[in-house]
Amino acid sequence: AYSKVEPNGRYHGKLVKLYAKYAREKLLPFLKCSDNYPIQEALDICQSNDFFPEMVFLLGRIGNTREALQIIIEKLQDINQAINFCQEHNDRELWSDLIKQSVDKP
């Protein structure tokens, strides 16, 4: 849908800002379907607004999976999402982090 409105992605960075400010429910779906926005800028916006699900997605996308997992565990407190995240990224270190967190803070 977004690519039909603006196929070359020239305004996708602005859309991130607008969705964050006026239509948060559209932000995560937009982040998932577009590759044409500055990821670090989007991450900064999400961090300044404590948009944790969006932060998890963006951190995973740039390869900072350990920080993303920390947010899932500490901020979202969603063990099922943490397990799914580890499965998606298929990384032994993530599994180790998840197990360690579970033992330390059951």
PDB file of N, CA and C in Angstrom:
ATOM      1  N   ALA A   1       0.824  -1.191   0.000  1.00  0.00           N
ATOM      2  CA  ALA A   1       0.000   0.000   0.000  1.00  0.00           C
ATOM      3  C   ALA A   1       0.869   1.256   0.000  1.00  0.00           C
ATOM      4  N   TYR A   2       1.934   1.243   0.798  1.00  0.00           N
ATOM      5  CA  TYR A   2       2.783   2.430   0.886  1.00  0.00           C
ATOM      6  C   TYR A   2       3.540   2.653  -0.415  1.00  0.00           C
ATOM      7  N   SER A   3       3.956   1.557  -1.056  1.00  0.00           N
ATOM      8  CA  SER A   3       4.712   1.703  -2.291  1.00  0.00           C
ATOM      9  C   SER A   3       3.837   2.235  -3.419  1.00  0.00           C
ATOM     10  N   LYS A   4       2.532   2.002  -3.342  1.00  0.00           N
ATOM     11  CA  LYS A   4       1.625   2.549  -4.350  1.00  0.00           C
ATOM     12  C   LYS A   4       1.494   4.058  -4.193  1.00  0.00           C
ATOM     13  N   VAL A   5       1.519   4.517  -2.954  1.00  0.00           N
ATOM     14  CA  VAL A   5       1.390   5.942  -2.688  1.00  0.00           C
ATOM     15  C   VAL A   5       2.662   6.669  -3.099  1.00  0.00           C
ATOM     16  N   GLU A   6       3.800   6.097  -2.775  1.00  0.00           N
ATOM     17  CA  GLU A   6       5.085   6.766  -2.981  1.00  0.00           C
ATOM     18  C   GLU A   6       6.134   5.709  -3.324  1.00  0.00           C
ATOM     19  N   PRO A   7       6.147   5.240  -4.580  1.00  0.00           N
ATOM     20  CA  PRO A   7       6.934   4.068  -4.941  1.00  0.00           C
ATOM     21  C   PRO A   7       8.448   4.207  -4.802  1.00  0.00           C
ATOM     22  N   ASN A   8       9.022   5.406  -4.958  1.00  0.00           N
ATOM     23  CA  ASN A   8      10.480   5.502  -4.896  1.00  0.00           C
ATOM     24  C   ASN A   8      11.002   5.725  -3.487  1.00  0.00           C
ATOM     25  N   GLY A   9      10.135   5.900  -2.513  1.00  0.00           N
ATOM     26  CA  GLY A   9      10.547   5.994  -1.121  1.00  0.00           C
ATOM     27  C   GLY A   9      11.169   7.306  -0.711  1.00  0.00           C
ATOM     28  N   ARG A  10      11.056   8.310  -1.545  1.00  0.00           N
ATOM     29  CA  ARG A  10      11.700   9.587  -1.265  1.00  0.00           C
ATOM     30  C   ARG A  10      11.210  10.223   0.032  1.00  0.00           C
ATOM     31  N   TYR A  11       9.961   9.994   0.388  1.00  0.00           N
ATOM     32  CA  TYR A  11       9.386  10.624   1.578  1.00  0.00           C
ATOM     33  C   TYR A  11       9.205   9.661   2.750  1.00  0.00           C
ATOM     34  N   HIS A  12       9.767   8.494   2.659  1.00  0.00           N
ATOM     35  CA  HIS A  12       9.550   7.502   3.712  1.00  0.00           C
ATOM     36  C   HIS A  12      10.146   7.922   5.051  1.00  0.00           C
ATOM     37  N   GLY A  13      11.231   8.673   5.045  1.00  0.00           N
ATOM     38  CA  GLY A  13      11.784   9.197   6.295  1.00  0.00           C
ATOM     39  C   GLY A  13      10.806  10.134   6.981  1.00  0.00           C
ATOM     40  N   LYS A  14      10.142  10.961   6.186  1.00  0.00           N
ATOM     41  CA  LYS A  14       9.130  11.869   6.743  1.00  0.00           C
ATOM     42  C   LYS A  14       7.915  11.094   7.243  1.00  0.00           C
ATOM     43  N   LEU A  15       7.560  10.035   6.525  1.00  0.00           N
ATOM     44  CA  LEU A  15       6.431   9.211   6.962  1.00  0.00           C
ATOM     45  C   LEU A  15       6.698   8.590   8.326  1.00  0.00           C
ATOM     46  N   VAL A  16       7.926   8.177   8.570  1.00  0.00           N
ATOM     47  CA  VAL A  16       8.276   7.616   9.882  1.00  0.00           C
ATOM     48  C   VAL A  16       7.964   8.640  10.969  1.00  0.00           C
ATOM     49  N   LYS A  17       8.399   9.874  10.766  1.00  0.00           N
ATOM     50  CA  LYS A  17       8.151  10.937  11.751  1.00  0.00           C
ATOM     51  C   LYS A  17       6.660  11.181  11.942  1.00  0.00           C
ATOM     52  N   LEU A  18       5.926  11.235  10.845  1.00  0.00           N
ATOM     53  CA  LEU A  18       4.487  11.506  10.930  1.00  0.00           C
ATOM     54  C   LEU A  18       3.733  10.369  11.612  1.00  0.00           C
ATOM     55  N   TYR A  19       4.058   9.138  11.254  1.00  0.00           N
ATOM     56  CA  TYR A  19       3.403   8.006  11.910  1.00  0.00           C
ATOM     57  C   TYR A  19       3.735   7.971  13.396  1.00  0.00           C
ATOM     58  N   ALA A  20       4.974   8.275  13.743  1.00  0.00           N
ATOM     59  CA  ALA A  20       5.360   8.282  15.160  1.00  0.00           C
ATOM     60  C   ALA A  20       4.565   9.328  15.931  1.00  0.00           C
ATOM     61  N   LYS A  21       4.313  10.442  15.301  1.00  0.00           N
ATOM     62  CA  LYS A  21       3.633  11.538  15.992  1.00  0.00           C
ATOM     63  C   LYS A  21       2.113  11.409  15.969  1.00  0.00           C
ATOM     64  N   TYR A  22       1.554  10.973  14.838  1.00  0.00           N
ATOM     65  CA  TYR A  22       0.104  11.047  14.669  1.00  0.00           C
ATOM     66  C   TYR A  22      -0.610   9.706  14.503  1.00  0.00           C
ATOM     67  N   ALA A  23       0.108   8.655  14.144  1.00  0.00           N
ATOM     68  CA  ALA A  23      -0.565   7.374  13.878  1.00  0.00           C
ATOM     69  C   ALA A  23       0.371   6.220  14.207  1.00  0.00           C
ATOM     70  N   ARG A  24       0.669   6.084  15.490  1.00  0.00           N
ATOM     71  CA  ARG A  24       1.643   5.068  15.886  1.00  0.00           C
ATOM     72  C   ARG A  24       1.246   3.664  15.427  1.00  0.00           C
ATOM     73  N   GLU A  25      -0.032   3.368  15.402  1.00  0.00           N
ATOM     74  CA  GLU A  25      -0.467   2.026  15.014  1.00  0.00           C
ATOM     75  C   GLU A  25      -0.030   1.669  13.591  1.00  0.00           C
ATOM     76  N   LYS A  26       0.289   2.664  12.780  1.00  0.00           N
ATOM     77  CA  LYS A  26       0.739   2.419  11.412  1.00  0.00           C
ATOM     78  C   LYS A  26       2.265   2.357  11.293  1.00  0.00           C
ATOM     79  N   LEU A  27       2.967   2.726  12.357  1.00  0.00           N
ATOM     80  CA  LEU A  27       4.423   2.828  12.269  1.00  0.00           C
ATOM     81  C   LEU A  27       5.106   1.478  12.071  1.00  0.00           C
ATOM     82  N   LEU A  28       4.832   0.508  12.925  1.00  0.00           N
ATOM     83  CA  LEU A  28       5.516  -0.786  12.813  1.00  0.00           C
ATOM     84  C   LEU A  28       5.212  -1.480  11.484  1.00  0.00           C
ATOM     85  N   PRO A  29       3.950  -1.528  11.042  1.00  0.00           N
ATOM     86  CA  PRO A  29       3.703  -2.129   9.724  1.00  0.00           C
ATOM     87  C   PRO A  29       4.472  -1.418   8.604  1.00  0.00           C
ATOM     88  N   PHE A  30       4.563  -0.101   8.699  1.00  0.00           N
ATOM     89  CA  PHE A  30       5.308   0.652   7.692  1.00  0.00           C
ATOM     90  C   PHE A  30       6.797   0.313   7.738  1.00  0.00           C
ATOM     91  N   LEU A  31       7.371   0.266   8.940  1.00  0.00           N
ATOM     92  CA  LEU A  31       8.792  -0.064   9.073  1.00  0.00           C
ATOM     93  C   LEU A  31       9.091  -1.436   8.477  1.00  0.00           C
ATOM     94  N   LYS A  32       8.158  -2.358   8.645  1.00  0.00           N
ATOM     95  CA  LYS A  32       8.358  -3.721   8.144  1.00  0.00           C
ATOM     96  C   LYS A  32       8.255  -3.811   6.626  1.00  0.00           C
ATOM     97  N   CYS A  33       7.459  -2.945   6.011  1.00  0.00           N
ATOM     98  CA  CYS A  33       7.233  -3.096   4.568  1.00  0.00           C
ATOM     99  C   CYS A  33       8.108  -2.187   3.714  1.00  0.00           C
ATOM    100  N   SER A  34       8.805  -1.247   4.306  1.00  0.00           N
ATOM    101  CA  SER A  34       9.627  -0.322   3.523  1.00  0.00           C
ATOM    102  C   SER A  34      11.109  -0.492   3.867  1.00  0.00           C
ATOM    103  N   ASP A  35      11.937  -0.291   2.865  1.00  0.00           N
ATOM    104  CA  ASP A  35      13.387  -0.270   3.074  1.00  0.00           C
ATOM    105  C   ASP A  35      13.951   1.112   2.772  1.00  0.00           C
ATOM    106  N   ASN A  36      13.079   2.085   2.549  1.00  0.00           N
ATOM    107  CA  ASN A  36      13.502   3.378   2.029  1.00  0.00           C
ATOM    108  C   ASN A  36      13.504   4.503   3.051  1.00  0.00           C
ATOM    109  N   TYR A  37      13.747   4.187   4.290  1.00  0.00           N
ATOM    110  CA  TYR A  37      13.849   5.223   5.322  1.00  0.00           C
ATOM    111  C   TYR A  37      15.203   5.065   6.009  1.00  0.00           C
ATOM    112  N   PRO A  38      15.737   6.159   6.560  1.00  0.00           N
ATOM    113  CA  PRO A  38      17.009   6.046   7.284  1.00  0.00           C
ATOM    114  C   PRO A  38      16.797   5.305   8.603  1.00  0.00           C
ATOM    115  N   ILE A  39      17.354   4.120   8.713  1.00  0.00           N
ATOM    116  CA  ILE A  39      17.089   3.253   9.861  1.00  0.00           C
ATOM    117  C   ILE A  39      17.526   3.895  11.170  1.00  0.00           C
ATOM    118  N   GLN A  40      18.694   4.506  11.198  1.00  0.00           N
ATOM    119  CA  GLN A  40      19.162   5.103  12.451  1.00  0.00           C
ATOM    120  C   GLN A  40      18.245   6.240  12.893  1.00  0.00           C
ATOM    121  N   GLU A  41      17.773   7.024  11.944  1.00  0.00           N
ATOM    122  CA  GLU A  41      16.844   8.109  12.273  1.00  0.00           C
ATOM    123  C   GLU A  41      15.537   7.544  12.831  1.00  0.00           C
ATOM    124  N   ALA A  42      15.039   6.488  12.208  1.00  0.00           N
ATOM    125  CA  ALA A  42      13.818   5.845  12.694  1.00  0.00           C
ATOM    126  C   ALA A  42      14.038   5.280  14.094  1.00  0.00           C
ATOM    127  N   LEU A  43      15.190   4.675  14.321  1.00  0.00           N
ATOM    128  CA  LEU A  43      15.506   4.122  15.636  1.00  0.00           C
ATOM    129  C   LEU A  43      15.575   5.229  16.685  1.00  0.00           C
ATOM    130  N   ASP A  44      16.194   6.342  16.337  1.00  0.00           N
ATOM    131  CA  ASP A  44      16.273   7.477  17.273  1.00  0.00           C
ATOM    132  C   ASP A  44      14.884   7.976  17.659  1.00  0.00           C
ATOM    133  N   ILE A  45      13.997   8.070  16.680  1.00  0.00           N
ATOM    134  CA  ILE A  45      12.621   8.512  16.944  1.00  0.00           C
ATOM    135  C   ILE A  45      11.931   7.532  17.883  1.00  0.00           C
ATOM    136  N   CYS A  46      12.082   6.254  17.610  1.00  0.00           N
ATOM    137  CA  CYS A  46      11.439   5.233  18.440  1.00  0.00           C
ATOM    138  C   CYS A  46      12.018   5.223  19.852  1.00  0.00           C
ATOM    139  N   GLN A  47      13.320   5.400  19.971  1.00  0.00           N
ATOM    140  CA  GLN A  47      13.945   5.428  21.295  1.00  0.00           C
ATOM    141  C   GLN A  47      13.480   6.635  22.097  1.00  0.00           C
ATOM    142  N   SER A  48      13.364   7.777  21.463  1.00  0.00           N
ATOM    143  CA  SER A  48      12.961   8.980  22.192  1.00  0.00           C
ATOM    144  C   SER A  48      11.505   8.922  22.639  1.00  0.00           C
ATOM    145  N   ASN A  49      10.725   8.043  22.011  1.00  0.00           N
ATOM    146  CA  ASN A  49       9.314   7.894  22.372  1.00  0.00           C
ATOM    147  C   ASN A  49       9.015   6.603  23.131  1.00  0.00           C
ATOM    148  N   ASP A  50      10.054   5.826  23.447  1.00  0.00           N
ATOM    149  CA  ASP A  50       9.874   4.525  24.106  1.00  0.00           C
ATOM    150  C   ASP A  50       8.927   3.611  23.331  1.00  0.00           C
ATOM    151  N   PHE A  51       9.085   3.574  22.023  1.00  0.00           N
ATOM    152  CA  PHE A  51       8.301   2.675  21.173  1.00  0.00           C
ATOM    153  C   PHE A  51       9.054   1.343  21.095  1.00  0.00           C
ATOM    154  N   PHE A  52       8.868   0.509  22.099  1.00  0.00           N
ATOM    155  CA  PHE A  52       9.687  -0.694  22.238  1.00  0.00           C
ATOM    156  C   PHE A  52       9.506  -1.724  21.123  1.00  0.00           C
ATOM    157  N   PRO A  53       8.278  -2.048  20.695  1.00  0.00           N
ATOM    158  CA  PRO A  53       8.164  -3.030  19.604  1.00  0.00           C
ATOM    159  C   PRO A  53       8.874  -2.573  18.323  1.00  0.00           C
ATOM    160  N   GLU A  54       8.754  -1.297  18.024  1.00  0.00           N
ATOM    161  CA  GLU A  54       9.420  -0.757  16.843  1.00  0.00           C
ATOM    162  C   GLU A  54      10.939  -0.787  17.012  1.00  0.00           C
ATOM    163  N   MET A  55      11.403  -0.500  18.225  1.00  0.00           N
ATOM    164  CA  MET A  55      12.838  -0.561  18.504  1.00  0.00           C
ATOM    165  C   MET A  55      13.363  -1.980  18.311  1.00  0.00           C
ATOM    166  N   VAL A  56      12.618  -2.965  18.791  1.00  0.00           N
ATOM    167  CA  VAL A  56      13.029  -4.368  18.639  1.00  0.00           C
ATOM    168  C   VAL A  56      13.185  -4.703  17.160  1.00  0.00           C
ATOM    169  N   PHE A  57      12.201  -4.315  16.361  1.00  0.00           N
ATOM    170  CA  PHE A  57      12.267  -4.602  14.928  1.00  0.00           C
ATOM    171  C   PHE A  57      13.494  -3.949  14.287  1.00  0.00           C
ATOM    172  N   LEU A  58      13.683  -2.661  14.555  1.00  0.00           N
ATOM    173  CA  LEU A  58      14.789  -1.932  13.930  1.00  0.00           C
ATOM    174  C   LEU A  58      16.149  -2.447  14.399  1.00  0.00           C
ATOM    175  N   LEU A  59      16.276  -2.722  15.681  1.00  0.00           N
ATOM    176  CA  LEU A  59      17.540  -3.258  16.194  1.00  0.00           C
ATOM    177  C   LEU A  59      17.851  -4.614  15.566  1.00  0.00           C
ATOM    178  N   GLY A  60      16.832  -5.448  15.425  1.00  0.00           N
ATOM    179  CA  GLY A  60      17.027  -6.731  14.762  1.00  0.00           C
ATOM    180  C   GLY A  60      17.443  -6.556  13.315  1.00  0.00           C
ATOM    181  N   ARG A  61      16.863  -5.571  12.672  1.00  0.00           N
ATOM    182  CA  ARG A  61      17.157  -5.318  11.268  1.00  0.00           C
ATOM    183  C   ARG A  61      18.604  -4.869  11.052  1.00  0.00           C
ATOM    184  N   ILE A  62      19.145  -4.100  11.996  1.00  0.00           N
ATOM    185  CA  ILE A  62      20.529  -3.637  11.833  1.00  0.00           C
ATOM    186  C   ILE A  62      21.534  -4.602  12.460  1.00  0.00           C
ATOM    187  N   GLY A  63      21.033  -5.712  13.004  1.00  0.00           N
ATOM    188  CA  GLY A  63      21.930  -6.732  13.539  1.00  0.00           C
ATOM    189  C   GLY A  63      22.252  -6.598  15.012  1.00  0.00           C
ATOM    190  N   ASN A  64      21.617  -5.680  15.685  1.00  0.00           N
ATOM    191  CA  ASN A  64      21.855  -5.513  17.122  1.00  0.00           C
ATOM    192  C   ASN A  64      20.823  -6.352  17.884  1.00  0.00           C
ATOM    193  N   THR A  65      20.918  -7.656  17.667  1.00  0.00           N
ATOM    194  CA  THR A  65      19.906  -8.567  18.194  1.00  0.00           C
ATOM    195  C   THR A  65      19.965  -8.721  19.710  1.00  0.00           C
ATOM    196  N   ARG A  66      21.141  -8.599  20.276  1.00  0.00           N
ATOM    197  CA  ARG A  66      21.248  -8.750  21.736  1.00  0.00           C
ATOM    198  C   ARG A  66      20.518  -7.611  22.448  1.00  0.00           C
ATOM    199  N   GLU A  67      20.674  -6.389  21.950  1.00  0.00           N
ATOM    200  CA  GLU A  67      19.963  -5.258  22.546  1.00  0.00           C
ATOM    201  C   GLU A  67      18.458  -5.404  22.338  1.00  0.00           C
ATOM    202  N   ALA A  68      18.069  -5.883  21.167  1.00  0.00           N
ATOM    203  CA  ALA A  68      16.651  -6.103  20.893  1.00  0.00           C
ATOM    204  C   ALA A  68      16.070  -7.125  21.873  1.00  0.00           C
ATOM    205  N   LEU A  69      16.807  -8.208  22.101  1.00  0.00           N
ATOM    206  CA  LEU A  69      16.343  -9.232  23.040  1.00  0.00           C
ATOM    207  C   LEU A  69      16.212  -8.661  24.448  1.00  0.00           C
ATOM    208  N   GLN A  70      17.160  -7.819  24.854  1.00  0.00           N
ATOM    209  CA  GLN A  70      17.080  -7.178  26.173  1.00  0.00           C
ATOM    210  C   GLN A  70      15.788  -6.379  26.319  1.00  0.00           C
ATOM    211  N   ILE A  71      15.419  -5.667  25.272  1.00  0.00           N
ATOM    212  CA  ILE A  71      14.190  -4.867  25.314  1.00  0.00           C
ATOM    213  C   ILE A  71      12.978  -5.779  25.441  1.00  0.00           C
ATOM    214  N   ILE A  72      12.980  -6.870  24.692  1.00  0.00           N
ATOM    215  CA  ILE A  72      11.856  -7.808  24.777  1.00  0.00           C
ATOM    216  C   ILE A  72      11.724  -8.338  26.200  1.00  0.00           C
ATOM    217  N   ILE A  73      12.843  -8.699  26.793  1.00  0.00           N
ATOM    218  CA  ILE A  73      12.824  -9.294  28.133  1.00  0.00           C
ATOM    219  C   ILE A  73      12.504  -8.258  29.202  1.00  0.00           C
ATOM    220  N   GLU A  74      13.201  -7.126  29.170  1.00  0.00           N
ATOM    221  CA  GLU A  74      13.091  -6.157  30.261  1.00  0.00           C
ATOM    222  C   GLU A  74      11.921  -5.188  30.125  1.00  0.00           C
ATOM    223  N   LYS A  75      11.669  -4.711  28.917  1.00  0.00           N
ATOM    224  CA  LYS A  75      10.633  -3.687  28.738  1.00  0.00           C
ATOM    225  C   LYS A  75       9.282  -4.292  28.373  1.00  0.00           C
ATOM    226  N   LEU A  76       9.290  -5.208  27.416  1.00  0.00           N
ATOM    227  CA  LEU A  76       8.029  -5.814  26.984  1.00  0.00           C
ATOM    228  C   LEU A  76       7.627  -6.979  27.879  1.00  0.00           C
ATOM    229  N   GLN A  77       8.603  -7.586  28.526  1.00  0.00           N
ATOM    230  CA  GLN A  77       8.382  -8.724  29.419  1.00  0.00           C
ATOM    231  C   GLN A  77       7.505  -9.792  28.762  1.00  0.00           C
ATOM    232  N   ASP A  78       7.937 -10.190  27.566  1.00  0.00           N
ATOM    233  CA  ASP A  78       7.173 -11.148  26.772  1.00  0.00           C
ATOM    234  C   ASP A  78       8.078 -12.328  26.415  1.00  0.00           C
ATOM    235  N   ILE A  79       8.010 -13.385  27.209  1.00  0.00           N
ATOM    236  CA  ILE A  79       8.888 -14.534  27.010  1.00  0.00           C
ATOM    237  C   ILE A  79       8.609 -15.234  25.680  1.00  0.00           C
ATOM    238  N   ASN A  80       7.342 -15.283  25.272  1.00  0.00           N
ATOM    239  CA  ASN A  80       7.021 -15.915  23.988  1.00  0.00           C
ATOM    240  C   ASN A  80       7.647 -15.150  22.827  1.00  0.00           C
ATOM    241  N   GLN A  81       7.585 -13.839  22.887  1.00  0.00           N
ATOM    242  CA  GLN A  81       8.222 -13.040  21.842  1.00  0.00           C
ATOM    243  C   GLN A  81       9.735 -13.231  21.872  1.00  0.00           C
ATOM    244  N   ALA A  82      10.300 -13.340  23.063  1.00  0.00           N
ATOM    245  CA  ALA A  82      11.744 -13.561  23.188  1.00  0.00           C
ATOM    246  C   ALA A  82      12.143 -14.889  22.548  1.00  0.00           C
ATOM    247  N   ILE A  83      11.369 -15.927  22.800  1.00  0.00           N
ATOM    248  CA  ILE A  83      11.648 -17.239  22.202  1.00  0.00           C
ATOM    249  C   ILE A  83      11.531 -17.159  20.682  1.00  0.00           C
ATOM    250  N   ASN A  84      10.460 -16.542  20.196  1.00  0.00           N
ATOM    251  CA  ASN A  84      10.278 -16.391  18.747  1.00  0.00           C
ATOM    252  C   ASN A  84      11.418 -15.593  18.119  1.00  0.00           C
ATOM    253  N   PHE A  85      11.855 -14.553  18.814  1.00  0.00           N
ATOM    254  CA  PHE A  85      12.953 -13.723  18.319  1.00  0.00           C
ATOM    255  C   PHE A  85      14.229 -14.553  18.195  1.00  0.00           C
ATOM    256  N   CYS A  86      14.518 -15.350  19.202  1.00  0.00           N
ATOM    257  CA  CYS A  86      15.704 -16.215  19.157  1.00  0.00           C
ATOM    258  C   CYS A  86      15.601 -17.229  18.023  1.00  0.00           C
ATOM    259  N   GLN A  87      14.417 -17.780  17.816  1.00  0.00           N
ATOM    260  CA  GLN A  87      14.221 -18.738  16.727  1.00  0.00           C
ATOM    261  C   GLN A  87      14.419 -18.071  15.367  1.00  0.00           C
ATOM    262  N   GLU A  88      13.855 -16.876  15.203  1.00  0.00           N
ATOM    263  CA  GLU A  88      13.975 -16.159  13.930  1.00  0.00           C
ATOM    264  C   GLU A  88      15.426 -15.873  13.573  1.00  0.00           C
ATOM    265  N   HIS A  89      16.218 -15.512  14.571  1.00  0.00           N
ATOM    266  CA  HIS A  89      17.589 -15.096  14.302  1.00  0.00           C
ATOM    267  C   HIS A  89      18.590 -16.243  14.404  1.00  0.00           C
ATOM    268  N   ASN A  90      18.151 -17.384  14.933  1.00  0.00           N
ATOM    269  CA  ASN A  90      18.959 -18.605  14.945  1.00  0.00           C
ATOM    270  C   ASN A  90      20.403 -18.332  15.385  1.00  0.00           C
ATOM    271  N   ASP A  91      20.538 -17.761  16.579  1.00  0.00           N
ATOM    272  CA  ASP A  91      21.842 -17.345  17.100  1.00  0.00           C
ATOM    273  C   ASP A  91      22.030 -17.945  18.495  1.00  0.00           C
ATOM    274  N   ARG A  92      23.081 -18.730  18.658  1.00  0.00           N
ATOM    275  CA  ARG A  92      23.325 -19.387  19.953  1.00  0.00           C
ATOM    276  C   ARG A  92      23.526 -18.388  21.085  1.00  0.00           C
ATOM    277  N   GLU A  93      24.177 -17.267  20.793  1.00  0.00           N
ATOM    278  CA  GLU A  93      24.396 -16.261  21.835  1.00  0.00           C
ATOM    279  C   GLU A  93      23.073 -15.694  22.339  1.00  0.00           C
ATOM    280  N   LEU A  94      22.124 -15.519  21.443  1.00  0.00           N
ATOM    281  CA  LEU A  94      20.805 -15.032  21.867  1.00  0.00           C
ATOM    282  C   LEU A  94      20.146 -16.031  22.804  1.00  0.00           C
ATOM    283  N   TRP A  95      20.210 -17.305  22.430  1.00  0.00           N
ATOM    284  CA  TRP A  95      19.635 -18.336  23.295  1.00  0.00           C
ATOM    285  C   TRP A  95      20.319 -18.331  24.658  1.00  0.00           C
ATOM    286  N   SER A  96      21.630 -18.192  24.660  1.00  0.00           N
ATOM    287  CA  SER A  96      22.369 -18.141  25.933  1.00  0.00           C
ATOM    288  C   SER A  96      21.933 -16.946  26.769  1.00  0.00           C
ATOM    289  N   ASP A  97      21.773 -15.799  26.119  1.00  0.00           N
ATOM    290  CA  ASP A  97      21.314 -14.600  26.833  1.00  0.00           C
ATOM    291  C   ASP A  97      19.929 -14.821  27.430  1.00  0.00           C
ATOM    292  N   LEU A  98      19.051 -15.426  26.640  1.00  0.00           N
ATOM    293  CA  LEU A  98      17.684 -15.667  27.108  1.00  0.00           C
ATOM    294  C   LEU A  98      17.688 -16.616  28.306  1.00  0.00           C
ATOM    295  N   ILE A  99      18.456 -17.678  28.225  1.00  0.00           N
ATOM    296  CA  ILE A  99      18.525 -18.637  29.334  1.00  0.00           C
ATOM    297  C   ILE A  99      19.110 -17.977  30.574  1.00  0.00           C
ATOM    298  N   LYS A 100      20.178 -17.212  30.388  1.00  0.00           N
ATOM    299  CA  LYS A 100      20.804 -16.523  31.520  1.00  0.00           C
ATOM    300  C   LYS A 100      19.817 -15.565  32.184  1.00  0.00           C
ATOM    301  N   GLN A 101      19.103 -14.804  31.394  1.00  0.00           N
ATOM    302  CA  GLN A 101      18.104 -13.870  31.939  1.00  0.00           C
ATOM    303  C   GLN A 101      17.006 -14.624  32.687  1.00  0.00           C
ATOM    304  N   SER A 102      16.604 -15.755  32.137  1.00  0.00           N
ATOM    305  CA  SER A 102      15.535 -16.538  32.767  1.00  0.00           C
ATOM    306  C   SER A 102      15.975 -17.111  34.105  1.00  0.00           C
ATOM    307  N   VAL A 103      17.227 -17.512  34.201  1.00  0.00           N
ATOM    308  CA  VAL A 103      17.757 -18.062  35.449  1.00  0.00           C
ATOM    309  C   VAL A 103      17.966 -16.949  36.468  1.00  0.00           C
ATOM    310  N   ASP A 104      18.511 -15.821  36.004  1.00  0.00           N
ATOM    311  CA  ASP A 104      18.788 -14.696  36.904  1.00  0.00           C
ATOM    312  C   ASP A 104      17.520 -14.027  37.423  1.00  0.00           C
ATOM    313  N   LYS A 105      16.531 -13.903  36.545  1.00  0.00           N
ATOM    314  CA  LYS A 105      15.281 -13.214  36.915  1.00  0.00           C
ATOM    315  C   LYS A 105      14.092 -14.058  36.469  1.00  0.00           C
ATOM    316  N   PRO A 106      13.759 -15.087  37.204  1.00  0.00           N
ATOM    317  CA  PRO A 106      12.676 -15.999  36.780  1.00  0.00           C
ATOM    318  C   PRO A 106      11.318 -15.320  36.738  1.00  0.00           C
TER     319      PRO A 106
END
